[in-house]
Amino acid sequence: MNTIVDVQPDIIKPLHEARNQRLLKELANDMKENGWQGRPLLVIERQSDYLAWTGSHRIAAARKAGLSSVPCHVIKERELIRHGLDAEWGHVDDTDRLKAIRKIGDDVAIHIMWQEGRD
């Protein structure tokens, strides 16, 4: 069952490095002061780590702010595989990831991806 759990940011592999340094600095400062705010990350649980499908800047900011954990909505990699999907596939485009999670029917993940595209 998919659920929201706390995960150490150091074991989450982001989609890409933080590209907007100003945003990264703002997020990290806010997290130092207020902790994690807002929706959880969407991550794929693999054998030894988590692959983030959302939140590259938020992951980097959490690390910079020294947070010990971040809230994550977890999808098991085997669930994607069961539906013929590869966790690494579709990382270039939010639309591809949204199509993938629609195939597995995870309403929480769909909501998170929908919000990701609106920020």
N, C-alpha and C. Protein backbone atom coordinates (compact mmCIF):
# COMPACT_ATOMS: atom_id res chain seq x y z
N MET A 1 0.84 -1.18 0.00
CA MET A 1 0.00 0.00 0.00
C MET A 1 0.89 1.24 0.00
N ASN A 2 0.52 2.21 -0.76
CA ASN A 2 1.27 3.46 -0.82
C ASN A 2 0.91 4.31 0.39
N THR A 3 1.90 4.98 0.92
CA THR A 3 1.68 5.76 2.12
C THR A 3 2.69 6.90 2.20
N ILE A 4 2.46 7.81 3.13
CA ILE A 4 3.42 8.88 3.34
C ILE A 4 4.29 8.51 4.53
N VAL A 5 5.59 8.52 4.30
CA VAL A 5 6.56 8.16 5.33
C VAL A 5 7.66 9.22 5.37
N ASP A 6 8.37 9.26 6.47
CA ASP A 6 9.53 10.15 6.59
C ASP A 6 10.76 9.42 6.08
N VAL A 7 11.51 10.07 5.19
CA VAL A 7 12.70 9.49 4.59
C VAL A 7 13.86 10.46 4.74
N GLN A 8 15.05 9.94 4.99
CA GLN A 8 16.24 10.79 5.06
C GLN A 8 16.53 11.36 3.68
N PRO A 9 16.69 12.67 3.57
CA PRO A 9 16.92 13.26 2.24
C PRO A 9 18.19 12.77 1.56
N ASP A 10 19.17 12.32 2.34
CA ASP A 10 20.43 11.86 1.75
C ASP A 10 20.29 10.56 0.95
N ILE A 11 19.21 9.81 1.17
CA ILE A 11 19.05 8.55 0.42
C ILE A 11 18.02 8.68 -0.71
N ILE A 12 17.64 9.92 -1.01
CA ILE A 12 16.72 10.17 -2.12
C ILE A 12 17.52 10.71 -3.30
N LYS A 13 17.42 10.03 -4.43
CA LYS A 13 18.09 10.46 -5.65
C LYS A 13 17.15 11.41 -6.40
N PRO A 14 17.52 12.69 -6.52
CA PRO A 14 16.64 13.63 -7.23
C PRO A 14 16.69 13.43 -8.74
N LEU A 15 15.71 14.00 -9.42
CA LEU A 15 15.67 13.92 -10.89
C LEU A 15 16.87 14.62 -11.52
N HIS A 16 17.24 15.73 -10.91
CA HIS A 16 18.35 16.54 -11.43
C HIS A 16 18.88 17.39 -10.28
N GLU A 17 20.02 17.99 -10.48
CA GLU A 17 20.58 18.89 -9.50
C GLU A 17 19.73 20.16 -9.43
N ALA A 18 19.82 20.87 -8.33
CA ALA A 18 19.10 22.14 -8.20
C ALA A 18 19.65 23.12 -9.23
N ARG A 19 18.79 23.62 -10.08
CA ARG A 19 19.22 24.50 -11.17
C ARG A 19 19.08 25.98 -10.84
N ASN A 20 18.18 26.29 -9.94
CA ASN A 20 17.91 27.68 -9.58
C ASN A 20 18.48 27.93 -8.19
N GLN A 21 19.67 28.52 -8.14
CA GLN A 21 20.36 28.70 -6.87
C GLN A 21 19.63 29.68 -5.94
N ARG A 22 18.97 30.65 -6.51
CA ARG A 22 18.20 31.60 -5.68
C ARG A 22 17.04 30.88 -4.99
N LEU A 23 16.33 30.06 -5.75
CA LEU A 23 15.23 29.28 -5.18
C LEU A 23 15.76 28.33 -4.11
N LEU A 24 16.86 27.66 -4.39
CA LEU A 24 17.46 26.74 -3.44
C LEU A 24 17.78 27.46 -2.13
N LYS A 25 18.40 28.62 -2.21
CA LYS A 25 18.76 29.39 -1.01
C LYS A 25 17.51 29.79 -0.22
N GLU A 26 16.49 30.27 -0.94
CA GLU A 26 15.24 30.67 -0.27
C GLU A 26 14.57 29.49 0.43
N LEU A 27 14.50 28.37 -0.27
CA LEU A 27 13.88 27.17 0.31
C LEU A 27 14.66 26.68 1.53
N ALA A 28 15.98 26.64 1.42
CA ALA A 28 16.81 26.17 2.53
C ALA A 28 16.67 27.07 3.74
N ASN A 29 16.67 28.38 3.53
CA ASN A 29 16.50 29.31 4.66
C ASN A 29 15.13 29.12 5.31
N ASP A 30 14.10 28.96 4.49
CA ASP A 30 12.76 28.74 5.03
C ASP A 30 12.69 27.43 5.81
N MET A 31 13.32 26.38 5.29
CA MET A 31 13.30 25.09 5.97
C MET A 31 14.08 25.14 7.28
N LYS A 32 15.17 25.90 7.32
CA LYS A 32 15.92 26.05 8.57
C LYS A 32 15.04 26.69 9.63
N GLU A 33 14.25 27.66 9.21
CA GLU A 33 13.42 28.41 10.15
C GLU A 33 12.12 27.69 10.49
N ASN A 34 11.48 27.07 9.50
CA ASN A 34 10.13 26.53 9.69
C ASN A 34 9.99 25.03 9.50
N GLY A 35 11.07 24.36 9.12
CA GLY A 35 10.97 22.94 8.82
C GLY A 35 10.31 22.73 7.47
N TRP A 36 9.93 21.52 7.18
CA TRP A 36 9.30 21.19 5.91
C TRP A 36 7.89 21.74 5.89
N GLN A 37 7.52 22.42 4.84
CA GLN A 37 6.18 22.94 4.65
C GLN A 37 5.65 22.42 3.32
N GLY A 38 4.36 22.21 3.22
CA GLY A 38 3.78 21.84 1.94
C GLY A 38 3.67 20.35 1.71
N ARG A 39 3.41 20.01 0.46
CA ARG A 39 3.13 18.62 0.10
C ARG A 39 4.37 17.74 0.19
N PRO A 40 4.15 16.44 0.30
CA PRO A 40 5.28 15.51 0.34
C PRO A 40 5.89 15.34 -1.05
N LEU A 41 7.06 14.76 -1.06
CA LEU A 41 7.70 14.36 -2.32
C LEU A 41 7.02 13.10 -2.82
N LEU A 42 7.13 12.86 -4.10
CA LEU A 42 6.69 11.60 -4.69
C LEU A 42 7.96 10.83 -5.03
N VAL A 43 8.14 9.68 -4.37
CA VAL A 43 9.36 8.89 -4.57
C VAL A 43 9.04 7.45 -4.91
N ILE A 44 9.96 6.84 -5.63
CA ILE A 44 9.87 5.42 -5.98
C ILE A 44 10.85 4.68 -5.08
N GLU A 45 10.34 3.71 -4.31
CA GLU A 45 11.20 2.93 -3.42
C GLU A 45 11.83 1.80 -4.23
N ARG A 46 13.18 1.83 -4.27
CA ARG A 46 13.93 0.79 -4.96
C ARG A 46 14.63 -0.06 -3.91
N GLN A 47 15.51 -0.94 -4.34
CA GLN A 47 16.16 -1.84 -3.40
C GLN A 47 17.00 -1.12 -2.35
N SER A 48 17.78 -0.13 -2.77
CA SER A 48 18.71 0.49 -1.81
C SER A 48 18.52 1.99 -1.64
N ASP A 49 17.57 2.58 -2.38
CA ASP A 49 17.37 4.01 -2.26
C ASP A 49 15.98 4.39 -2.74
N TYR A 50 15.76 5.67 -2.81
CA TYR A 50 14.50 6.21 -3.31
C TYR A 50 14.82 7.10 -4.50
N LEU A 51 14.00 7.02 -5.52
CA LEU A 51 14.15 7.84 -6.71
C LEU A 51 13.02 8.87 -6.68
N ALA A 52 13.38 10.15 -6.63
CA ALA A 52 12.37 11.20 -6.54
C ALA A 52 11.78 11.50 -7.90
N TRP A 53 10.47 11.57 -7.96
CA TRP A 53 9.80 12.00 -9.18
C TRP A 53 9.36 13.44 -9.07
N THR A 54 9.50 14.03 -7.90
CA THR A 54 9.21 15.45 -7.69
C THR A 54 10.23 16.03 -6.72
N GLY A 55 10.39 17.36 -6.75
CA GLY A 55 11.07 18.06 -5.68
C GLY A 55 12.58 18.12 -5.66
N SER A 56 13.23 18.19 -6.80
CA SER A 56 14.70 18.24 -6.81
C SER A 56 15.23 19.41 -5.97
N HIS A 57 14.61 20.57 -6.10
CA HIS A 57 15.06 21.73 -5.32
C HIS A 57 14.74 21.57 -3.84
N ARG A 58 13.57 20.98 -3.55
CA ARG A 58 13.20 20.78 -2.15
C ARG A 58 14.10 19.76 -1.46
N ILE A 59 14.53 18.73 -2.20
CA ILE A 59 15.46 17.75 -1.63
C ILE A 59 16.79 18.43 -1.31
N ALA A 60 17.32 19.19 -2.26
CA ALA A 60 18.59 19.90 -2.04
C ALA A 60 18.48 20.88 -0.89
N ALA A 61 17.35 21.57 -0.80
CA ALA A 61 17.15 22.54 0.29
C ALA A 61 17.07 21.83 1.64
N ALA A 62 16.39 20.69 1.68
CA ALA A 62 16.29 19.94 2.93
C ALA A 62 17.66 19.48 3.40
N ARG A 63 18.50 19.04 2.46
CA ARG A 63 19.86 18.65 2.82
C ARG A 63 20.65 19.84 3.35
N LYS A 64 20.53 20.97 2.63
CA LYS A 64 21.26 22.19 3.03
C LYS A 64 20.78 22.70 4.38
N ALA A 65 19.49 22.55 4.65
CA ALA A 65 18.92 23.01 5.92
C ALA A 65 19.20 22.04 7.06
N GLY A 66 19.73 20.86 6.74
CA GLY A 66 20.06 19.88 7.77
C GLY A 66 18.87 19.09 8.29
N LEU A 67 17.79 19.00 7.50
CA LEU A 67 16.64 18.22 7.95
C LEU A 67 17.00 16.74 7.99
N SER A 68 16.55 16.06 9.02
CA SER A 68 16.88 14.64 9.15
C SER A 68 15.91 13.75 8.36
N SER A 69 14.73 14.29 8.04
CA SER A 69 13.78 13.52 7.25
C SER A 69 12.83 14.46 6.52
N VAL A 70 12.22 13.94 5.47
CA VAL A 70 11.24 14.69 4.69
C VAL A 70 10.06 13.77 4.40
N PRO A 71 8.84 14.33 4.32
CA PRO A 71 7.68 13.48 4.04
C PRO A 71 7.65 13.07 2.57
N CYS A 72 7.39 11.78 2.35
CA CYS A 72 7.38 11.24 0.99
C CYS A 72 6.19 10.32 0.79
N HIS A 73 5.54 10.49 -0.33
CA HIS A 73 4.54 9.51 -0.76
C HIS A 73 5.32 8.47 -1.55
N VAL A 74 5.24 7.24 -1.11
CA VAL A 74 6.09 6.18 -1.65
C VAL A 74 5.31 5.26 -2.58
N ILE A 75 5.89 5.05 -3.75
CA ILE A 75 5.39 4.04 -4.68
C ILE A 75 6.49 2.98 -4.77
N LYS A 76 6.12 1.74 -4.59
CA LYS A 76 7.09 0.65 -4.70
C LYS A 76 7.44 0.45 -6.18
N GLU A 77 8.71 0.31 -6.45
CA GLU A 77 9.15 0.10 -7.83
C GLU A 77 8.46 -1.11 -8.45
N ARG A 78 8.25 -2.14 -7.66
CA ARG A 78 7.62 -3.35 -8.19
C ARG A 78 6.19 -3.07 -8.68
N GLU A 79 5.53 -2.04 -8.11
CA GLU A 79 4.19 -1.66 -8.56
C GLU A 79 4.26 -1.09 -9.98
N LEU A 80 5.28 -0.29 -10.24
CA LEU A 80 5.47 0.24 -11.59
C LEU A 80 5.78 -0.90 -12.57
N ILE A 81 6.67 -1.79 -12.16
CA ILE A 81 7.07 -2.91 -13.01
C ILE A 81 5.86 -3.79 -13.33
N ARG A 82 5.00 -3.99 -12.34
CA ARG A 82 3.80 -4.81 -12.53
C ARG A 82 2.91 -4.25 -13.64
N HIS A 83 2.98 -2.92 -13.83
CA HIS A 83 2.20 -2.27 -14.87
C HIS A 83 3.03 -1.99 -16.14
N GLY A 84 4.19 -2.64 -16.22
CA GLY A 84 5.02 -2.52 -17.42
C GLY A 84 5.77 -1.20 -17.52
N LEU A 85 6.02 -0.56 -16.37
CA LEU A 85 6.69 0.73 -16.35
C LEU A 85 8.06 0.61 -15.71
N ASP A 86 8.97 1.45 -16.13
CA ASP A 86 10.32 1.50 -15.58
C ASP A 86 10.42 2.78 -14.76
N ALA A 87 10.91 2.68 -13.53
CA ALA A 87 11.01 3.85 -12.66
C ALA A 87 11.87 4.96 -13.27
N GLU A 88 12.86 4.58 -14.06
CA GLU A 88 13.73 5.58 -14.68
C GLU A 88 13.09 6.23 -15.89
N TRP A 89 12.10 5.56 -16.49
CA TRP A 89 11.44 6.06 -17.69
C TRP A 89 10.64 7.30 -17.36
N GLY A 90 10.63 8.24 -18.27
CA GLY A 90 9.75 9.39 -18.12
C GLY A 90 10.28 10.48 -17.24
N HIS A 91 11.55 10.44 -16.92
CA HIS A 91 12.08 11.47 -16.03
C HIS A 91 12.27 12.82 -16.69
N VAL A 92 12.15 12.84 -17.98
CA VAL A 92 12.39 14.10 -18.66
C VAL A 92 11.18 15.02 -18.60
N ASP A 93 10.03 14.45 -18.41
CA ASP A 93 8.82 15.22 -18.58
C ASP A 93 7.79 14.87 -17.51
N ASP A 94 7.23 15.90 -16.85
CA ASP A 94 6.19 15.66 -15.85
C ASP A 94 5.01 14.90 -16.43
N THR A 95 4.68 15.18 -17.70
CA THR A 95 3.54 14.52 -18.34
C THR A 95 3.75 13.02 -18.41
N ASP A 96 4.96 12.59 -18.72
CA ASP A 96 5.25 11.16 -18.79
C ASP A 96 5.11 10.50 -17.42
N ARG A 97 5.60 11.18 -16.38
CA ARG A 97 5.47 10.61 -15.03
C ARG A 97 4.01 10.57 -14.61
N LEU A 98 3.24 11.60 -14.95
CA LEU A 98 1.83 11.62 -14.62
C LEU A 98 1.09 10.48 -15.33
N LYS A 99 1.41 10.23 -16.59
CA LYS A 99 0.81 9.11 -17.32
C LYS A 99 1.13 7.79 -16.62
N ALA A 100 2.36 7.65 -16.16
CA ALA A 100 2.79 6.42 -15.50
C ALA A 100 2.00 6.18 -14.21
N ILE A 101 1.85 7.20 -13.39
CA ILE A 101 1.14 6.98 -12.12
C ILE A 101 -0.36 6.85 -12.33
N ARG A 102 -0.88 7.41 -13.41
CA ARG A 102 -2.30 7.18 -13.72
C ARG A 102 -2.52 5.71 -14.04
N LYS A 103 -1.54 5.07 -14.68
CA LYS A 103 -1.67 3.64 -15.01
C LYS A 103 -1.78 2.79 -13.76
N ILE A 104 -1.10 3.19 -12.68
CA ILE A 104 -1.17 2.38 -11.46
C ILE A 104 -2.34 2.80 -10.57
N GLY A 105 -3.02 3.90 -10.92
CA GLY A 105 -4.23 4.30 -10.22
C GLY A 105 -4.02 4.83 -8.82
N ASP A 106 -2.93 5.51 -8.57
CA ASP A 106 -2.61 6.05 -7.25
C ASP A 106 -3.09 7.51 -7.19
N ASP A 107 -4.24 7.74 -6.56
CA ASP A 107 -4.83 9.07 -6.53
C ASP A 107 -3.96 10.10 -5.80
N VAL A 108 -3.30 9.71 -4.72
CA VAL A 108 -2.44 10.64 -3.99
C VAL A 108 -1.26 11.05 -4.87
N ALA A 109 -0.65 10.09 -5.53
CA ALA A 109 0.48 10.39 -6.41
C ALA A 109 0.05 11.29 -7.56
N ILE A 110 -1.13 11.04 -8.11
CA ILE A 110 -1.63 11.88 -9.19
C ILE A 110 -1.80 13.31 -8.70
N HIS A 111 -2.35 13.47 -7.50
CA HIS A 111 -2.53 14.81 -6.93
C HIS A 111 -1.18 15.51 -6.73
N ILE A 112 -0.21 14.79 -6.21
CA ILE A 112 1.12 15.38 -5.99
C ILE A 112 1.73 15.82 -7.32
N MET A 113 1.65 14.97 -8.33
CA MET A 113 2.21 15.33 -9.64
C MET A 113 1.46 16.52 -10.23
N TRP A 114 0.15 16.55 -10.08
CA TRP A 114 -0.65 17.65 -10.59
C TRP A 114 -0.20 18.97 -9.94
N GLN A 115 0.00 18.95 -8.63
CA GLN A 115 0.46 20.14 -7.91
C GLN A 115 1.87 20.53 -8.31
N GLU A 116 2.72 19.52 -8.57
CA GLU A 116 4.10 19.80 -8.97
C GLU A 116 4.14 20.64 -10.23
N GLY A 117 3.33 20.32 -11.18
CA GLY A 117 3.31 21.05 -12.44
C GLY A 117 2.76 22.46 -12.32
N ARG A 118 2.08 22.75 -11.23
CA ARG A 118 1.46 24.07 -11.06
C ARG A 118 2.35 25.04 -10.30
N ASP A 119 3.40 24.55 -9.66
CA ASP A 119 4.30 25.43 -8.87
C ASP A 119 5.31 26.12 -9.75
